């Protein structure tokens, strides 16, 4: 709704491809802002989602707005994190809203 108002205010509602491009760009910016807002609150923190499946037990470090699966608990300790005290439990929606990045597969 807000995107449509911005397009209307700019007088671009009948400009065909220009309007579609603006909507795509504005939509991408809104999506980016939402993603970074969610990730930002977890920046430099260890997070884990809910569930009982093996996939759900993964612990992630959030860096630069992305979540990195940490495959070795020894890495956490070597980098100043306390296991399991520093692992924060978040909702499935919240963890899935943070883009997945390369895993941290270094034991030290």
N, C-alpha and C. Protein backbone atom coordinates (compact mmCIF):
# COMPACT_ATOMS: atom_id res chain seq x y z
N UNK A 1 0.81 -1.18 0.00
CA UNK A 1 0.00 0.00 0.00
C UNK A 1 0.86 1.26 0.00
N UNK A 2 1.91 1.29 0.83
CA UNK A 2 2.76 2.47 0.89
C UNK A 2 3.54 2.65 -0.41
N UNK A 3 3.97 1.55 -1.03
CA UNK A 3 4.69 1.63 -2.30
C UNK A 3 3.79 2.28 -3.33
N UNK A 4 2.53 1.87 -3.39
CA UNK A 4 1.58 2.44 -4.34
C UNK A 4 1.43 3.94 -4.11
N UNK A 5 1.39 4.36 -2.86
CA UNK A 5 1.28 5.79 -2.55
C UNK A 5 2.51 6.56 -3.01
N UNK A 6 3.69 5.97 -2.80
CA UNK A 6 4.91 6.62 -3.26
C UNK A 6 4.93 6.76 -4.77
N UNK A 7 4.52 5.71 -5.46
CA UNK A 7 4.47 5.73 -6.93
C UNK A 7 3.48 6.79 -7.39
N UNK A 8 2.31 6.84 -6.74
CA UNK A 8 1.29 7.83 -7.09
C UNK A 8 1.81 9.25 -6.83
N UNK A 9 2.43 9.46 -5.68
CA UNK A 9 2.94 10.79 -5.33
C UNK A 9 4.00 11.25 -6.34
N UNK A 10 4.75 10.30 -6.87
CA UNK A 10 5.77 10.65 -7.86
C UNK A 10 5.17 10.79 -9.26
N UNK A 11 3.88 10.49 -9.41
CA UNK A 11 3.22 10.61 -10.70
C UNK A 11 3.64 9.54 -11.70
N UNK A 12 3.99 8.37 -11.21
CA UNK A 12 4.52 7.32 -12.08
C UNK A 12 3.58 6.14 -12.25
N UNK A 13 2.34 6.27 -11.79
CA UNK A 13 1.45 5.10 -11.84
C UNK A 13 1.13 4.63 -13.25
N UNK A 14 1.25 5.46 -14.25
CA UNK A 14 0.94 5.04 -15.62
C UNK A 14 2.17 5.03 -16.52
N UNK A 15 3.31 4.86 -15.96
CA UNK A 15 4.54 4.94 -16.74
C UNK A 15 5.10 3.56 -17.13
N UNK A 16 4.31 2.52 -17.02
CA UNK A 16 4.71 1.19 -17.49
C UNK A 16 5.94 0.64 -16.80
N UNK A 17 6.99 0.41 -17.58
CA UNK A 17 8.20 -0.21 -17.06
C UNK A 17 8.85 0.61 -15.95
N UNK A 18 8.78 1.91 -16.04
CA UNK A 18 9.37 2.76 -15.00
C UNK A 18 8.72 2.47 -13.66
N UNK A 19 7.40 2.40 -13.65
CA UNK A 19 6.66 2.12 -12.43
C UNK A 19 7.04 0.75 -11.88
N UNK A 20 7.08 -0.26 -12.74
CA UNK A 20 7.42 -1.61 -12.29
C UNK A 20 8.83 -1.66 -11.72
N UNK A 21 9.74 -0.93 -12.33
CA UNK A 21 11.11 -0.90 -11.82
C UNK A 21 11.17 -0.25 -10.45
N UNK A 22 10.43 0.83 -10.28
CA UNK A 22 10.43 1.52 -8.99
C UNK A 22 9.82 0.62 -7.93
N UNK A 23 8.73 -0.04 -8.24
CA UNK A 23 8.10 -0.95 -7.29
C UNK A 23 9.07 -2.06 -6.91
N UNK A 24 9.80 -2.61 -7.88
CA UNK A 24 10.77 -3.67 -7.60
C UNK A 24 11.88 -3.16 -6.70
N UNK A 25 12.40 -1.98 -6.99
CA UNK A 25 13.49 -1.42 -6.19
C UNK A 25 13.01 -1.10 -4.78
N UNK A 26 11.87 -0.44 -4.66
CA UNK A 26 11.34 -0.11 -3.34
C UNK A 26 11.03 -1.39 -2.56
N UNK A 27 10.44 -2.38 -3.23
CA UNK A 27 10.15 -3.65 -2.57
C UNK A 27 11.42 -4.32 -2.07
N UNK A 28 12.48 -4.28 -2.87
CA UNK A 28 13.76 -4.88 -2.46
C UNK A 28 14.34 -4.14 -1.27
N UNK A 29 14.22 -2.82 -1.26
CA UNK A 29 14.73 -2.04 -0.13
C UNK A 29 13.96 -2.34 1.14
N UNK A 30 12.65 -2.47 1.03
CA UNK A 30 11.83 -2.80 2.20
C UNK A 30 12.20 -4.19 2.71
N UNK A 31 12.34 -5.15 1.81
CA UNK A 31 12.73 -6.51 2.21
C UNK A 31 14.09 -6.49 2.88
N UNK A 32 15.04 -5.77 2.32
CA UNK A 32 16.37 -5.67 2.90
C UNK A 32 16.31 -5.05 4.28
N UNK A 33 15.55 -4.00 4.43
CA UNK A 33 15.43 -3.33 5.72
C UNK A 33 14.83 -4.26 6.76
N UNK A 34 13.80 -5.01 6.38
CA UNK A 34 13.17 -5.95 7.32
C UNK A 34 14.15 -7.04 7.72
N UNK A 35 14.88 -7.57 6.76
CA UNK A 35 15.84 -8.63 7.05
C UNK A 35 16.94 -8.13 7.98
N UNK A 36 17.47 -6.95 7.67
CA UNK A 36 18.55 -6.44 8.49
C UNK A 36 18.08 -6.06 9.89
N UNK A 37 16.84 -5.62 10.03
CA UNK A 37 16.31 -5.30 11.34
C UNK A 37 16.27 -6.54 12.20
N UNK A 38 15.78 -7.64 11.65
CA UNK A 38 15.71 -8.89 12.40
C UNK A 38 17.10 -9.40 12.73
N UNK A 39 17.98 -9.40 11.75
CA UNK A 39 19.34 -9.90 11.96
C UNK A 39 20.10 -8.97 12.91
N UNK A 40 19.87 -7.66 12.79
CA UNK A 40 20.61 -6.70 13.59
C UNK A 40 20.49 -6.91 15.09
N UNK A 41 19.33 -7.32 15.51
CA UNK A 41 19.15 -7.52 16.96
C UNK A 41 19.91 -8.74 17.46
N UNK A 42 20.31 -9.62 16.55
CA UNK A 42 21.07 -10.83 16.92
C UNK A 42 22.54 -10.74 16.51
N UNK A 43 22.97 -9.59 16.00
CA UNK A 43 24.34 -9.43 15.50
C UNK A 43 25.37 -9.83 16.55
N UNK A 44 26.35 -10.64 16.13
CA UNK A 44 27.44 -11.15 16.97
C UNK A 44 26.94 -12.04 18.12
N UNK A 45 25.76 -12.60 17.94
CA UNK A 45 25.22 -13.50 18.96
C UNK A 45 25.07 -14.90 18.38
N UNK A 46 25.07 -15.89 19.27
CA UNK A 46 24.85 -17.27 18.88
C UNK A 46 23.36 -17.55 19.05
N UNK A 47 22.73 -18.11 18.01
CA UNK A 47 21.29 -18.37 18.07
C UNK A 47 21.00 -19.81 17.67
N UNK A 48 19.87 -20.29 18.13
CA UNK A 48 19.40 -21.64 17.81
C UNK A 48 17.88 -21.59 17.75
N UNK A 49 17.31 -22.27 16.76
CA UNK A 49 15.87 -22.31 16.62
C UNK A 49 15.26 -23.43 17.45
N UNK A 50 13.93 -23.48 17.49
CA UNK A 50 13.24 -24.52 18.24
C UNK A 50 13.14 -25.81 17.43
N UNK A 51 12.78 -26.89 18.08
CA UNK A 51 12.51 -28.13 17.38
C UNK A 51 13.31 -29.30 17.91
N UNK A 52 12.96 -30.48 17.41
CA UNK A 52 13.60 -31.70 17.89
C UNK A 52 14.35 -32.46 16.79
N UNK A 53 14.26 -31.96 15.55
CA UNK A 53 14.97 -32.61 14.45
C UNK A 53 16.46 -32.29 14.54
N UNK A 54 17.32 -33.14 13.99
CA UNK A 54 18.76 -32.84 14.00
C UNK A 54 19.07 -31.47 13.40
N UNK A 55 18.36 -31.08 12.36
CA UNK A 55 18.55 -29.77 11.73
C UNK A 55 18.29 -28.63 12.72
N UNK A 56 17.36 -28.84 13.63
CA UNK A 56 16.99 -27.80 14.60
C UNK A 56 18.05 -27.57 15.67
N UNK A 57 18.97 -28.51 15.83
CA UNK A 57 20.00 -28.38 16.86
C UNK A 57 21.17 -27.52 16.42
N UNK A 58 21.18 -27.06 15.16
CA UNK A 58 22.28 -26.24 14.67
C UNK A 58 22.34 -24.91 15.42
N UNK A 59 23.57 -24.50 15.70
CA UNK A 59 23.82 -23.22 16.35
C UNK A 59 24.46 -22.31 15.31
N UNK A 60 23.96 -21.08 15.24
CA UNK A 60 24.44 -20.11 14.25
C UNK A 60 25.04 -18.89 14.92
N UNK A 61 26.06 -18.33 14.30
CA UNK A 61 26.59 -17.03 14.68
C UNK A 61 26.05 -16.04 13.66
N UNK A 62 25.48 -14.94 14.14
CA UNK A 62 24.97 -13.91 13.23
C UNK A 62 26.06 -12.86 13.06
N UNK A 63 26.49 -12.69 11.81
CA UNK A 63 27.51 -11.70 11.47
C UNK A 63 27.14 -11.02 10.17
N UNK A 64 27.28 -9.70 10.15
CA UNK A 64 26.96 -8.92 8.96
C UNK A 64 25.56 -9.21 8.43
N UNK A 65 24.63 -9.43 9.35
CA UNK A 65 23.24 -9.64 8.98
C UNK A 65 22.93 -11.02 8.42
N UNK A 66 23.86 -11.95 8.55
CA UNK A 66 23.64 -13.31 8.03
C UNK A 66 23.98 -14.32 9.12
N UNK A 67 23.35 -15.49 9.01
CA UNK A 67 23.62 -16.53 10.01
C UNK A 67 24.58 -17.57 9.44
N UNK A 68 25.58 -17.89 10.25
CA UNK A 68 26.62 -18.86 9.89
C UNK A 68 26.51 -20.05 10.84
N UNK A 69 26.32 -21.24 10.27
CA UNK A 69 26.27 -22.45 11.10
C UNK A 69 27.66 -22.72 11.64
N UNK A 70 27.78 -22.83 12.96
CA UNK A 70 29.05 -23.14 13.60
C UNK A 70 29.06 -24.65 13.84
N UNK A 71 29.95 -25.34 13.14
CA UNK A 71 29.93 -26.81 13.18
C UNK A 71 30.73 -27.41 14.33
N UNK A 72 31.57 -26.60 14.99
CA UNK A 72 32.39 -27.11 16.10
C UNK A 72 32.20 -26.26 17.35
N UNK A 73 31.79 -26.89 18.42
CA UNK A 73 31.65 -26.18 19.69
C UNK A 73 32.96 -25.61 20.17
N UNK A 74 34.08 -26.23 19.79
CA UNK A 74 35.39 -25.72 20.20
C UNK A 74 35.66 -24.34 19.60
N UNK A 75 35.08 -24.06 18.43
CA UNK A 75 35.25 -22.74 17.82
C UNK A 75 34.62 -21.68 18.70
N UNK A 76 33.44 -22.00 19.25
CA UNK A 76 32.75 -21.04 20.12
C UNK A 76 33.62 -20.65 21.31
N UNK A 77 34.18 -21.65 21.97
CA UNK A 77 35.00 -21.42 23.15
C UNK A 77 36.27 -20.65 22.76
N UNK A 78 36.91 -21.03 21.64
CA UNK A 78 38.14 -20.38 21.20
C UNK A 78 37.91 -18.91 20.85
N UNK A 79 36.67 -18.53 20.53
CA UNK A 79 36.37 -17.15 20.17
C UNK A 79 35.60 -16.39 21.26
N UNK A 80 35.68 -16.90 22.49
CA UNK A 80 35.15 -16.16 23.63
C UNK A 80 33.69 -16.38 23.96
N UNK A 81 33.04 -17.32 23.27
CA UNK A 81 31.64 -17.61 23.59
C UNK A 81 31.59 -18.73 24.63
N UNK A 82 30.58 -18.69 25.47
CA UNK A 82 30.40 -19.74 26.47
C UNK A 82 29.32 -20.70 25.99
N UNK A 83 29.64 -21.96 26.00
CA UNK A 83 28.70 -22.99 25.57
C UNK A 83 28.11 -23.64 26.79
N UNK A 84 26.85 -23.77 26.96
CA UNK A 84 25.74 -23.31 26.12
C UNK A 84 25.15 -21.98 26.57
N UNK A 85 25.76 -21.32 27.56
CA UNK A 85 25.17 -20.11 28.14
C UNK A 85 24.93 -18.98 27.13
N UNK A 86 25.80 -18.85 26.14
CA UNK A 86 25.67 -17.75 25.19
C UNK A 86 24.77 -18.06 23.99
N UNK A 87 24.21 -19.26 23.95
CA UNK A 87 23.32 -19.62 22.84
C UNK A 87 21.91 -19.17 23.19
N UNK A 88 21.37 -18.29 22.35
CA UNK A 88 20.02 -17.75 22.57
C UNK A 88 19.02 -18.50 21.71
N UNK A 89 17.89 -18.82 22.29
CA UNK A 89 16.86 -19.56 21.56
C UNK A 89 15.86 -18.57 20.95
N UNK A 90 15.65 -18.71 19.64
CA UNK A 90 14.77 -17.80 18.91
C UNK A 90 13.69 -18.60 18.19
N UNK A 91 12.65 -17.92 17.77
CA UNK A 91 11.55 -18.58 17.07
C UNK A 91 12.00 -19.04 15.68
N UNK A 92 11.28 -20.00 15.13
CA UNK A 92 11.57 -20.49 13.78
C UNK A 92 11.43 -19.36 12.76
N UNK A 93 10.42 -18.53 12.93
CA UNK A 93 10.21 -17.42 12.00
C UNK A 93 11.39 -16.45 12.02
N UNK A 94 11.87 -16.17 13.22
CA UNK A 94 12.96 -15.22 13.35
C UNK A 94 14.26 -15.79 12.76
N UNK A 95 14.56 -17.04 13.08
CA UNK A 95 15.81 -17.62 12.56
C UNK A 95 15.75 -17.75 11.04
N UNK A 96 14.58 -18.07 10.51
CA UNK A 96 14.45 -18.22 9.06
C UNK A 96 14.44 -16.88 8.32
N UNK A 97 14.22 -15.79 9.05
CA UNK A 97 14.23 -14.47 8.42
C UNK A 97 15.65 -13.94 8.22
N UNK A 98 16.63 -14.59 8.83
CA UNK A 98 18.02 -14.17 8.70
C UNK A 98 18.65 -15.00 7.59
N UNK A 99 19.19 -14.36 6.55
CA UNK A 99 19.77 -15.11 5.44
C UNK A 99 20.89 -16.04 5.89
N UNK A 100 20.94 -17.20 5.27
CA UNK A 100 21.96 -18.19 5.59
C UNK A 100 23.22 -17.88 4.79
N UNK A 101 24.37 -17.98 5.44
CA UNK A 101 25.66 -17.72 4.80
C UNK A 101 26.55 -18.96 4.97
N UNK A 102 27.80 -18.84 4.56
CA UNK A 102 28.74 -19.96 4.68
C UNK A 102 28.85 -20.42 6.11
N UNK A 103 29.07 -21.74 6.28
CA UNK A 103 29.23 -22.27 7.61
C UNK A 103 30.63 -21.97 8.13
N UNK A 104 30.78 -21.97 9.44
CA UNK A 104 32.08 -21.86 10.07
C UNK A 104 32.48 -23.27 10.43
N UNK A 105 33.42 -23.81 9.68
CA UNK A 105 33.77 -25.23 9.79
C UNK A 105 35.20 -25.40 10.33
N UNK A 106 35.64 -24.46 11.13
CA UNK A 106 36.98 -24.48 11.68
C UNK A 106 36.90 -24.80 13.17
N UNK A 107 37.57 -25.84 13.61
CA UNK A 107 37.46 -26.20 15.03
C UNK A 107 38.16 -25.21 15.97
N UNK A 108 38.99 -24.29 15.45
CA UNK A 108 39.69 -23.36 16.35
C UNK A 108 39.46 -21.93 15.99
